[in-house]
Amino acid sequence: MEVSGQKESCRLYASGRQRGAVKTSQLVFLMSNRKLNGRPPLQEGKRSFRVTARFNKEEYKIVQELEKTLGVNKTEIVRSRLLQNGTAVLVNAKEVIRELDLIGTELGRSGNNINQLAHYANVLKLKSVFSESVIVRFNEIFELHLEQRKELDTTLRKIIRILGHG
């Protein structure tokens, strides 16, 4: 084990070797002179006041469920609800990312299906067995897909705005 001070340093060996041995009183002195390199003290925004609250069994269950669902601690839940009048949006980031990943997967699948349909339409066109009703139906379905994708894009932009400003 190595113990370092500002100007002095010493080494302790657990194997019983005597090289560089230090007495306990010297070790305490060296450790008390050690410069601590931790987080610097906050100049602004330091929270030095504590507020305690008591809940009945049902209320506490609600707080615990919020804590589990949102992925934040009880202090952050209470602080955001009290100070921001419930305007703050608390979300479970892992859950949001998981759901967005599922949406991305579905978008990929739908794009793949559209490519398969376009390929099949081109094959039918080359064989001259292409039906006009197939073209009309494909265009209807594709228009619906484009509308839903535009709506999804708008919704995702709203979510990103809310999460970015929250």
N, C-alpha and C. Protein backbone atom coordinates (compact mmCIF):
# COMPACT_ATOMS: atom_id res chain seq x y z
N MET A 1 0.86 -1.17 0.00
CA MET A 1 0.00 0.00 0.00
C MET A 1 0.89 1.22 0.00
N GLU A 2 0.51 2.25 -0.75
CA GLU A 2 1.31 3.46 -0.83
C GLU A 2 0.52 4.62 -0.28
N VAL A 3 1.15 5.44 0.54
CA VAL A 3 0.50 6.61 1.11
C VAL A 3 1.35 7.81 0.71
N SER A 4 0.71 8.81 0.10
CA SER A 4 1.46 9.99 -0.35
C SER A 4 0.95 11.24 0.34
N GLY A 5 1.85 12.12 0.72
CA GLY A 5 1.49 13.42 1.25
C GLY A 5 1.82 14.49 0.23
N GLN A 6 1.81 15.76 0.66
CA GLN A 6 2.13 16.82 -0.29
C GLN A 6 3.61 16.77 -0.66
N LYS A 7 4.48 16.65 0.34
CA LYS A 7 5.91 16.66 0.05
C LYS A 7 6.57 15.33 0.41
N GLU A 8 5.96 14.58 1.29
CA GLU A 8 6.56 13.34 1.76
C GLU A 8 5.77 12.15 1.23
N SER A 9 6.44 11.04 1.09
CA SER A 9 5.72 9.81 0.73
C SER A 9 6.39 8.65 1.43
N CYS A 10 5.65 7.58 1.67
CA CYS A 10 6.21 6.41 2.32
C CYS A 10 5.53 5.19 1.74
N ARG A 11 6.14 4.04 1.94
CA ARG A 11 5.56 2.80 1.46
C ARG A 11 5.44 1.83 2.61
N LEU A 12 4.32 1.14 2.66
CA LEU A 12 4.09 0.12 3.67
C LEU A 12 4.04 -1.22 2.95
N TYR A 13 4.70 -2.20 3.47
CA TYR A 13 4.70 -3.53 2.87
C TYR A 13 4.05 -4.51 3.82
N ALA A 14 3.04 -5.21 3.35
CA ALA A 14 2.33 -6.16 4.19
C ALA A 14 3.10 -7.47 4.30
N SER A 15 4.09 -7.68 3.47
CA SER A 15 4.79 -8.95 3.47
C SER A 15 5.79 -9.07 4.61
N GLY A 16 5.96 -8.06 5.44
CA GLY A 16 6.85 -8.15 6.59
C GLY A 16 8.23 -7.60 6.31
N ARG A 17 8.52 -7.15 5.09
CA ARG A 17 9.83 -6.58 4.81
C ARG A 17 9.97 -5.27 5.58
N GLN A 18 11.16 -4.96 6.00
CA GLN A 18 11.40 -3.80 6.84
C GLN A 18 11.77 -2.56 6.05
N ARG A 19 12.00 -2.69 4.76
CA ARG A 19 12.43 -1.55 3.96
C ARG A 19 11.35 -0.48 3.95
N GLY A 20 11.66 0.72 4.36
CA GLY A 20 10.73 1.83 4.35
C GLY A 20 9.63 1.70 5.39
N ALA A 21 9.87 0.97 6.46
CA ALA A 21 8.84 0.77 7.48
C ALA A 21 8.50 2.09 8.16
N VAL A 22 7.24 2.26 8.50
CA VAL A 22 6.77 3.49 9.13
C VAL A 22 6.00 3.12 10.39
N LYS A 23 6.20 3.90 11.44
CA LYS A 23 5.46 3.68 12.67
C LYS A 23 4.04 4.20 12.50
N THR A 24 3.13 3.71 13.34
CA THR A 24 1.72 4.11 13.25
C THR A 24 1.58 5.62 13.47
N SER A 25 2.31 6.19 14.40
CA SER A 25 2.19 7.63 14.66
C SER A 25 2.64 8.45 13.45
N GLN A 26 3.68 7.95 12.74
CA GLN A 26 4.13 8.64 11.53
C GLN A 26 3.07 8.54 10.43
N LEU A 27 2.41 7.38 10.34
CA LEU A 27 1.39 7.18 9.31
C LEU A 27 0.21 8.12 9.55
N VAL A 28 -0.23 8.25 10.79
CA VAL A 28 -1.33 9.15 11.11
C VAL A 28 -0.94 10.58 10.77
N PHE A 29 0.29 10.98 11.08
CA PHE A 29 0.76 12.32 10.76
C PHE A 29 0.76 12.55 9.26
N LEU A 30 1.28 11.57 8.51
CA LEU A 30 1.35 11.72 7.06
C LEU A 30 -0.05 11.79 6.44
N MET A 31 -0.98 10.98 6.94
CA MET A 31 -2.33 10.98 6.38
C MET A 31 -3.08 12.26 6.74
N SER A 32 -2.77 12.85 7.90
CA SER A 32 -3.45 14.09 8.27
C SER A 32 -2.91 15.27 7.46
N ASN A 33 -1.70 15.19 6.94
CA ASN A 33 -1.12 16.24 6.11
C ASN A 33 -1.42 16.04 4.63
N ARG A 34 -2.12 15.00 4.31
CA ARG A 34 -2.42 14.67 2.92
C ARG A 34 -3.37 15.68 2.31
N LYS A 35 -3.10 16.12 1.09
CA LYS A 35 -4.00 17.02 0.39
C LYS A 35 -5.15 16.20 -0.18
N LEU A 36 -6.38 16.60 0.14
CA LEU A 36 -7.54 15.88 -0.36
C LEU A 36 -7.95 16.45 -1.71
N ASN A 37 -8.06 15.60 -2.69
CA ASN A 37 -8.46 16.03 -4.03
C ASN A 37 -9.84 15.50 -4.34
N GLY A 38 -10.83 16.05 -3.73
CA GLY A 38 -12.20 15.63 -3.98
C GLY A 38 -12.93 16.66 -4.80
N ARG A 39 -14.22 16.59 -4.77
CA ARG A 39 -15.04 17.56 -5.47
C ARG A 39 -14.86 18.93 -4.82
N PRO A 40 -14.64 19.97 -5.61
CA PRO A 40 -14.49 21.31 -5.01
C PRO A 40 -15.80 21.77 -4.39
N PRO A 41 -15.74 22.57 -3.34
CA PRO A 41 -16.97 23.02 -2.69
C PRO A 41 -17.78 23.91 -3.64
N LEU A 42 -19.11 23.76 -3.59
CA LEU A 42 -19.99 24.56 -4.43
C LEU A 42 -20.02 26.00 -3.94
N GLN A 43 -19.92 26.94 -4.86
CA GLN A 43 -20.01 28.35 -4.51
C GLN A 43 -21.45 28.81 -4.57
N GLU A 44 -22.20 28.34 -5.56
CA GLU A 44 -23.60 28.71 -5.73
C GLU A 44 -24.44 27.45 -5.85
N GLY A 45 -25.67 27.54 -5.45
CA GLY A 45 -26.58 26.42 -5.62
C GLY A 45 -26.43 25.31 -4.60
N LYS A 46 -25.68 25.55 -3.55
CA LYS A 46 -25.49 24.52 -2.53
C LYS A 46 -26.79 24.34 -1.77
N ARG A 47 -27.20 23.11 -1.60
CA ARG A 47 -28.44 22.80 -0.88
C ARG A 47 -28.09 22.48 0.56
N SER A 48 -28.37 23.41 1.44
CA SER A 48 -27.99 23.22 2.84
C SER A 48 -29.20 23.10 3.76
N PHE A 49 -30.41 23.16 3.22
CA PHE A 49 -31.60 23.04 4.06
C PHE A 49 -32.32 21.74 3.75
N ARG A 50 -32.83 21.11 4.79
CA ARG A 50 -33.51 19.82 4.64
C ARG A 50 -34.98 19.99 5.00
N VAL A 51 -35.83 19.38 4.20
CA VAL A 51 -37.27 19.36 4.47
C VAL A 51 -37.66 17.89 4.59
N THR A 52 -38.32 17.56 5.67
CA THR A 52 -38.77 16.18 5.84
C THR A 52 -40.28 16.12 5.65
N ALA A 53 -40.74 15.00 5.17
CA ALA A 53 -42.17 14.82 4.94
C ALA A 53 -42.56 13.43 5.40
N ARG A 54 -43.76 13.30 5.87
CA ARG A 54 -44.29 12.01 6.28
C ARG A 54 -45.45 11.65 5.38
N PHE A 55 -45.53 10.37 5.02
CA PHE A 55 -46.59 9.88 4.14
C PHE A 55 -47.30 8.73 4.81
N ASN A 56 -48.58 8.55 4.49
CA ASN A 56 -49.24 7.33 4.95
C ASN A 56 -48.86 6.20 3.97
N LYS A 57 -49.36 5.02 4.23
CA LYS A 57 -48.95 3.85 3.45
C LYS A 57 -49.27 3.99 1.97
N GLU A 58 -50.47 4.47 1.63
CA GLU A 58 -50.88 4.59 0.23
C GLU A 58 -50.06 5.67 -0.49
N GLU A 59 -49.85 6.80 0.18
CA GLU A 59 -49.06 7.87 -0.44
C GLU A 59 -47.63 7.42 -0.69
N TYR A 60 -47.07 6.70 0.28
CA TYR A 60 -45.69 6.24 0.13
C TYR A 60 -45.56 5.23 -1.02
N LYS A 61 -46.59 4.40 -1.19
CA LYS A 61 -46.58 3.45 -2.31
C LYS A 61 -46.56 4.20 -3.64
N ILE A 62 -47.33 5.29 -3.71
CA ILE A 62 -47.35 6.11 -4.93
C ILE A 62 -45.96 6.68 -5.21
N VAL A 63 -45.32 7.20 -4.15
CA VAL A 63 -43.98 7.77 -4.31
C VAL A 63 -43.00 6.69 -4.76
N GLN A 64 -43.09 5.50 -4.17
CA GLN A 64 -42.20 4.40 -4.57
C GLN A 64 -42.44 3.98 -6.01
N GLU A 65 -43.70 3.95 -6.44
CA GLU A 65 -44.00 3.59 -7.83
C GLU A 65 -43.45 4.64 -8.78
N LEU A 66 -43.59 5.92 -8.41
CA LEU A 66 -43.02 6.98 -9.24
C LEU A 66 -41.50 6.85 -9.34
N GLU A 67 -40.90 6.54 -8.21
CA GLU A 67 -39.44 6.38 -8.18
C GLU A 67 -39.01 5.25 -9.11
N LYS A 68 -39.73 4.14 -9.06
CA LYS A 68 -39.40 2.98 -9.89
C LYS A 68 -39.66 3.28 -11.37
N THR A 69 -40.80 3.89 -11.67
CA THR A 69 -41.17 4.15 -13.07
C THR A 69 -40.29 5.20 -13.71
N LEU A 70 -39.99 6.26 -12.97
CA LEU A 70 -39.24 7.37 -13.54
C LEU A 70 -37.74 7.18 -13.48
N GLY A 71 -37.28 6.32 -12.58
CA GLY A 71 -35.85 6.08 -12.47
C GLY A 71 -35.10 7.21 -11.78
N VAL A 72 -35.79 8.00 -10.95
CA VAL A 72 -35.14 9.05 -10.17
C VAL A 72 -35.46 8.83 -8.70
N ASN A 73 -34.65 9.44 -7.82
CA ASN A 73 -34.87 9.21 -6.39
C ASN A 73 -36.03 10.05 -5.86
N LYS A 74 -36.43 9.75 -4.65
CA LYS A 74 -37.58 10.41 -4.03
C LYS A 74 -37.35 11.92 -3.90
N THR A 75 -36.13 12.31 -3.58
CA THR A 75 -35.82 13.73 -3.41
C THR A 75 -36.09 14.50 -4.69
N GLU A 76 -35.65 13.97 -5.82
CA GLU A 76 -35.87 14.66 -7.10
C GLU A 76 -37.35 14.73 -7.45
N ILE A 77 -38.11 13.69 -7.12
CA ILE A 77 -39.56 13.71 -7.38
C ILE A 77 -40.22 14.82 -6.58
N VAL A 78 -39.94 14.85 -5.28
CA VAL A 78 -40.57 15.85 -4.42
C VAL A 78 -40.12 17.25 -4.82
N ARG A 79 -38.82 17.43 -5.07
CA ARG A 79 -38.30 18.75 -5.44
C ARG A 79 -38.94 19.26 -6.72
N SER A 80 -39.04 18.41 -7.73
CA SER A 80 -39.60 18.87 -9.01
C SER A 80 -41.09 19.16 -8.88
N ARG A 81 -41.80 18.35 -8.12
CA ARG A 81 -43.24 18.57 -7.96
C ARG A 81 -43.54 19.82 -7.14
N LEU A 82 -42.73 20.08 -6.11
CA LEU A 82 -42.97 21.25 -5.26
C LEU A 82 -42.54 22.55 -5.91
N LEU A 83 -41.34 22.57 -6.44
CA LEU A 83 -40.76 23.82 -6.91
C LEU A 83 -41.21 24.21 -8.31
N GLN A 84 -41.59 23.25 -9.10
CA GLN A 84 -41.95 23.56 -10.48
C GLN A 84 -43.43 23.34 -10.74
N ASN A 85 -44.21 23.22 -9.66
CA ASN A 85 -45.67 23.06 -9.76
C ASN A 85 -46.09 21.97 -10.73
N GLY A 86 -45.33 20.93 -10.81
CA GLY A 86 -45.71 19.82 -11.68
C GLY A 86 -45.49 20.10 -13.15
N THR A 87 -44.86 21.23 -13.51
CA THR A 87 -44.63 21.52 -14.92
C THR A 87 -43.44 20.75 -15.46
N ALA A 88 -42.57 20.32 -14.59
CA ALA A 88 -41.42 19.54 -15.03
C ALA A 88 -41.88 18.16 -15.47
N VAL A 89 -41.24 17.65 -16.48
CA VAL A 89 -41.58 16.34 -16.99
C VAL A 89 -40.52 15.37 -16.50
N LEU A 90 -40.93 14.41 -15.71
CA LEU A 90 -40.02 13.38 -15.24
C LEU A 90 -40.26 12.12 -16.06
N VAL A 91 -39.21 11.61 -16.65
CA VAL A 91 -39.34 10.40 -17.45
C VAL A 91 -38.22 9.44 -17.09
N ASN A 92 -38.49 8.20 -17.34
CA ASN A 92 -37.47 7.18 -17.17
C ASN A 92 -36.70 7.11 -18.48
N ALA A 93 -35.47 7.60 -18.46
CA ALA A 93 -34.68 7.71 -19.69
C ALA A 93 -34.45 6.35 -20.34
N LYS A 94 -34.23 5.32 -19.54
CA LYS A 94 -34.01 3.98 -20.10
C LYS A 94 -35.24 3.51 -20.85
N GLU A 95 -36.40 3.76 -20.27
CA GLU A 95 -37.65 3.33 -20.89
C GLU A 95 -37.90 4.10 -22.19
N VAL A 96 -37.64 5.41 -22.18
CA VAL A 96 -37.84 6.21 -23.39
C VAL A 96 -36.92 5.73 -24.50
N ILE A 97 -35.67 5.50 -24.17
CA ILE A 97 -34.71 5.03 -25.17
C ILE A 97 -35.11 3.66 -25.70
N ARG A 98 -35.59 2.78 -24.82
CA ARG A 98 -36.02 1.46 -25.26
C ARG A 98 -37.20 1.56 -26.22
N GLU A 99 -38.16 2.43 -25.88
CA GLU A 99 -39.33 2.59 -26.75
C GLU A 99 -38.95 3.23 -28.08
N LEU A 100 -38.06 4.21 -28.05
CA LEU A 100 -37.61 4.82 -29.30
C LEU A 100 -36.86 3.82 -30.17
N ASP A 101 -36.13 2.92 -29.53
CA ASP A 101 -35.43 1.87 -30.27
C ASP A 101 -36.43 0.94 -30.95
N LEU A 102 -37.52 0.60 -30.25
CA LEU A 102 -38.56 -0.24 -30.85
C LEU A 102 -39.23 0.46 -32.03
N ILE A 103 -39.45 1.76 -31.90
CA ILE A 103 -40.04 2.53 -33.00
C ILE A 103 -39.09 2.51 -34.21
N GLY A 104 -37.81 2.69 -33.96
CA GLY A 104 -36.82 2.65 -35.04
C GLY A 104 -36.80 1.30 -35.73
N THR A 105 -36.93 0.24 -34.94
CA THR A 105 -36.97 -1.12 -35.51
C THR A 105 -38.18 -1.27 -36.41
N GLU A 106 -39.34 -0.81 -35.96
CA GLU A 106 -40.55 -0.92 -36.78
C GLU A 106 -40.45 -0.08 -38.05
N LEU A 107 -39.84 1.10 -37.96
CA LEU A 107 -39.65 1.91 -39.15
C LEU A 107 -38.76 1.19 -40.16
N GLY A 108 -37.74 0.54 -39.67
CA GLY A 108 -36.86 -0.24 -40.55
C GLY A 108 -37.61 -1.37 -41.24
N ARG A 109 -38.47 -2.04 -40.48
CA ARG A 109 -39.26 -3.13 -41.06
C ARG A 109 -40.21 -2.62 -42.14
N SER A 110 -40.88 -1.49 -41.85
CA SER A 110 -41.82 -0.96 -42.84
C SER A 110 -41.08 -0.52 -44.10
N GLY A 111 -39.90 0.09 -43.93
CA GLY A 111 -39.10 0.47 -45.10
C GLY A 111 -38.70 -0.74 -45.92
N ASN A 112 -38.36 -1.82 -45.24
CA ASN A 112 -37.99 -3.06 -45.93
C ASN A 112 -39.19 -3.61 -46.70
N ASN A 113 -40.36 -3.58 -46.10
CA ASN A 113 -41.58 -4.05 -46.78
C ASN A 113 -41.88 -3.21 -48.02
N ILE A 114 -41.72 -1.90 -47.91
CA ILE A 114 -41.96 -1.02 -49.06
C ILE A 114 -40.98 -1.35 -50.18
N ASN A 115 -39.73 -1.58 -49.84
CA ASN A 115 -38.73 -1.94 -50.87
C ASN A 115 -39.09 -3.26 -51.54
N GLN A 116 -39.57 -4.22 -50.77
CA GLN A 116 -39.97 -5.51 -51.35
C GLN A 116 -41.15 -5.33 -52.30
N LEU A 117 -42.11 -4.51 -51.91
CA LEU A 117 -43.27 -4.26 -52.78
C LEU A 117 -42.85 -3.54 -54.07
N ALA A 118 -41.96 -2.58 -53.95
CA ALA A 118 -41.49 -1.86 -55.14
C ALA A 118 -40.74 -2.81 -56.08
N HIS A 119 -39.93 -3.69 -55.50
CA HIS A 119 -39.19 -4.68 -56.31
C HIS A 119 -40.17 -5.61 -57.02
N TYR A 120 -41.17 -6.07 -56.30
CA TYR A 120 -42.17 -6.97 -56.89
C TYR A 120 -42.95 -6.26 -58.00
N ALA A 121 -43.27 -4.98 -57.79
CA ALA A 121 -43.98 -4.20 -58.82
C ALA A 121 -43.11 -4.07 -60.06
N ASN A 122 -41.82 -3.85 -59.89
CA ASN A 122 -40.93 -3.75 -61.05
C ASN A 122 -40.82 -5.07 -61.80
N VAL A 123 -40.81 -6.18 -61.05
CA VAL A 123 -40.76 -7.49 -61.71
C VAL A 123 -42.04 -7.71 -62.52
N LEU A 124 -43.19 -7.38 -61.94
CA LEU A 124 -44.46 -7.53 -62.66
C LEU A 124 -44.50 -6.63 -63.89
N LYS A 125 -43.94 -5.45 -63.78
CA LYS A 125 -43.93 -4.51 -64.91
C LYS A 125 -43.09 -5.06 -66.05
N LEU A 126 -41.93 -5.65 -65.70
CA LEU A 126 -41.07 -6.23 -66.73
C LEU A 126 -41.74 -7.41 -67.44
N LYS A 127 -42.56 -8.16 -66.72
CA LYS A 127 -43.25 -9.32 -67.30
C LYS A 127 -44.56 -8.93 -67.97
N SER A 128 -44.89 -7.65 -67.92
CA SER A 128 -46.11 -7.11 -68.52
C SER A 128 -47.39 -7.73 -67.96
N VAL A 129 -47.38 -8.06 -66.67
CA VAL A 129 -48.59 -8.58 -66.01
C VAL A 129 -49.00 -7.65 -64.87
N PHE A 130 -48.64 -6.42 -65.03
CA PHE A 130 -48.88 -5.43 -63.99
C PHE A 130 -50.31 -4.92 -64.09
N SER A 131 -51.05 -4.94 -63.00
CA SER A 131 -52.44 -4.52 -62.99
C SER A 131 -52.56 -3.07 -62.49
N GLU A 132 -53.43 -2.33 -63.11
CA GLU A 132 -53.66 -0.93 -62.73
C GLU A 132 -54.21 -0.83 -61.30
N SER A 133 -55.05 -1.79 -60.89
CA SER A 133 -55.63 -1.77 -59.54
C SER A 133 -54.55 -1.96 -58.47
N VAL A 134 -53.51 -2.71 -58.79
CA VAL A 134 -52.40 -2.91 -57.84
C VAL A 134 -51.67 -1.57 -57.63
N ILE A 135 -51.48 -0.83 -58.71
CA ILE A 135 -50.80 0.46 -58.60
C ILE A 135 -51.62 1.42 -57.74
N VAL A 136 -52.93 1.48 -57.99
CA VAL A 136 -53.81 2.38 -57.21
C VAL A 136 -53.78 2.00 -55.74
N ARG A 137 -53.91 0.72 -55.43
CA ARG A 137 -53.92 0.26 -54.03
C ARG A 137 -52.58 0.53 -53.36
N PHE A 138 -51.48 0.27 -54.07
CA PHE A 138 -50.15 0.53 -53.51
C PHE A 138 -50.00 2.01 -53.19
N ASN A 139 -50.42 2.89 -54.09
CA ASN A 139 -50.31 4.33 -53.87
C ASN A 139 -51.14 4.78 -52.67
N GLU A 140 -52.32 4.19 -52.47
CA GLU A 140 -53.15 4.52 -51.31
C GLU A 140 -52.45 4.14 -50.01
N ILE A 141 -51.94 2.93 -49.99
CA ILE A 141 -51.26 2.44 -48.79
C ILE A 141 -49.98 3.24 -48.53
N PHE A 142 -49.27 3.57 -49.59
CA PHE A 142 -48.04 4.33 -49.42
C PHE A 142 -48.33 5.74 -48.92
N GLU A 143 -49.40 6.37 -49.40
CA GLU A 143 -49.79 7.69 -48.90
C GLU A 143 -50.13 7.64 -47.41
N LEU A 144 -50.85 6.61 -47.00
CA LEU A 144 -51.18 6.43 -45.58
C LEU A 144 -49.90 6.27 -44.76
N HIS A 145 -48.97 5.50 -45.28
CA HIS A 145 -47.69 5.31 -44.61
C HIS A 145 -46.95 6.63 -44.45
N LEU A 146 -46.92 7.44 -45.50
CA LEU A 146 -46.24 8.73 -45.44
C LEU A 146 -46.89 9.67 -44.43
N GLU A 147 -48.22 9.67 -44.35
CA GLU A 147 -48.92 10.50 -43.37
C GLU A 147 -48.58 10.08 -41.95
N GLN A 148 -48.60 8.76 -41.71
CA GLN A 148 -48.29 8.25 -40.36
C GLN A 148 -46.84 8.54 -39.99
N ARG A 149 -45.97 8.43 -40.96
CA ARG A 149 -44.56 8.70 -40.69
C ARG A 149 -44.34 10.18 -40.37
N LYS A 150 -45.06 11.06 -41.07
CA LYS A 150 -44.96 12.50 -40.80
C LYS A 150 -45.48 12.81 -39.39
N GLU A 151 -46.60 12.17 -39.01
CA GLU A 151 -47.16 12.35 -37.67
C GLU A 151 -46.19 11.84 -36.60
N LEU A 152 -45.55 10.71 -36.86
CA LEU A 152 -44.56 10.16 -35.93
C LEU A 152 -43.38 11.11 -35.80
N ASP A 153 -42.93 11.66 -36.90
CA ASP A 153 -41.82 12.60 -36.88
C ASP A 153 -42.15 13.83 -36.04
N THR A 154 -43.36 14.36 -36.21
CA THR A 154 -43.81 15.51 -35.43
C THR A 154 -43.85 15.17 -33.94
N THR A 155 -44.38 14.02 -33.60
CA THR A 155 -44.47 13.59 -32.20
C THR A 155 -43.08 13.42 -31.59
N LEU A 156 -42.16 12.82 -32.33
CA LEU A 156 -40.80 12.63 -31.82
C LEU A 156 -40.10 13.97 -31.61
N ARG A 157 -40.34 14.92 -32.49
CA ARG A 157 -39.75 16.25 -32.31
C ARG A 157 -40.29 16.92 -31.04
N LYS A 158 -41.60 16.73 -30.77
CA LYS A 158 -42.18 17.28 -29.54
C LYS A 158 -41.55 16.65 -28.31
N ILE A 159 -41.36 15.35 -28.35
CA ILE A 159 -40.74 14.64 -27.22
C ILE A 159 -39.33 15.14 -27.00
N ILE A 160 -38.59 15.31 -28.08
CA ILE A 160 -37.20 15.79 -27.96
C ILE A 160 -37.17 17.19 -27.38
N ARG A 161 -38.11 18.07 -27.82
CA ARG A 161 -38.18 19.42 -27.26
C ARG A 161 -38.49 19.39 -25.77
N ILE A 162 -39.44 18.56 -25.38
CA ILE A 162 -39.82 18.47 -23.97
C ILE A 162 -38.66 17.96 -23.12
N LEU A 163 -37.98 16.92 -23.61
CA LEU A 163 -36.88 16.35 -22.85
C LEU A 163 -35.69 17.30 -22.82
N GLY A 164 -35.50 18.06 -23.88
CA GLY A 164 -34.36 18.98 -23.93
C GLY A 164 -34.53 20.17 -23.01
N HIS A 165 -35.77 20.62 -22.82
CA HIS A 165 -36.01 21.79 -21.98
C HIS A 165 -36.42 21.43 -20.57
N GLY A 166 -36.62 20.14 -20.30
CA GLY A 166 -37.10 19.72 -18.98
C GLY A 166 -36.06 19.62 -17.99
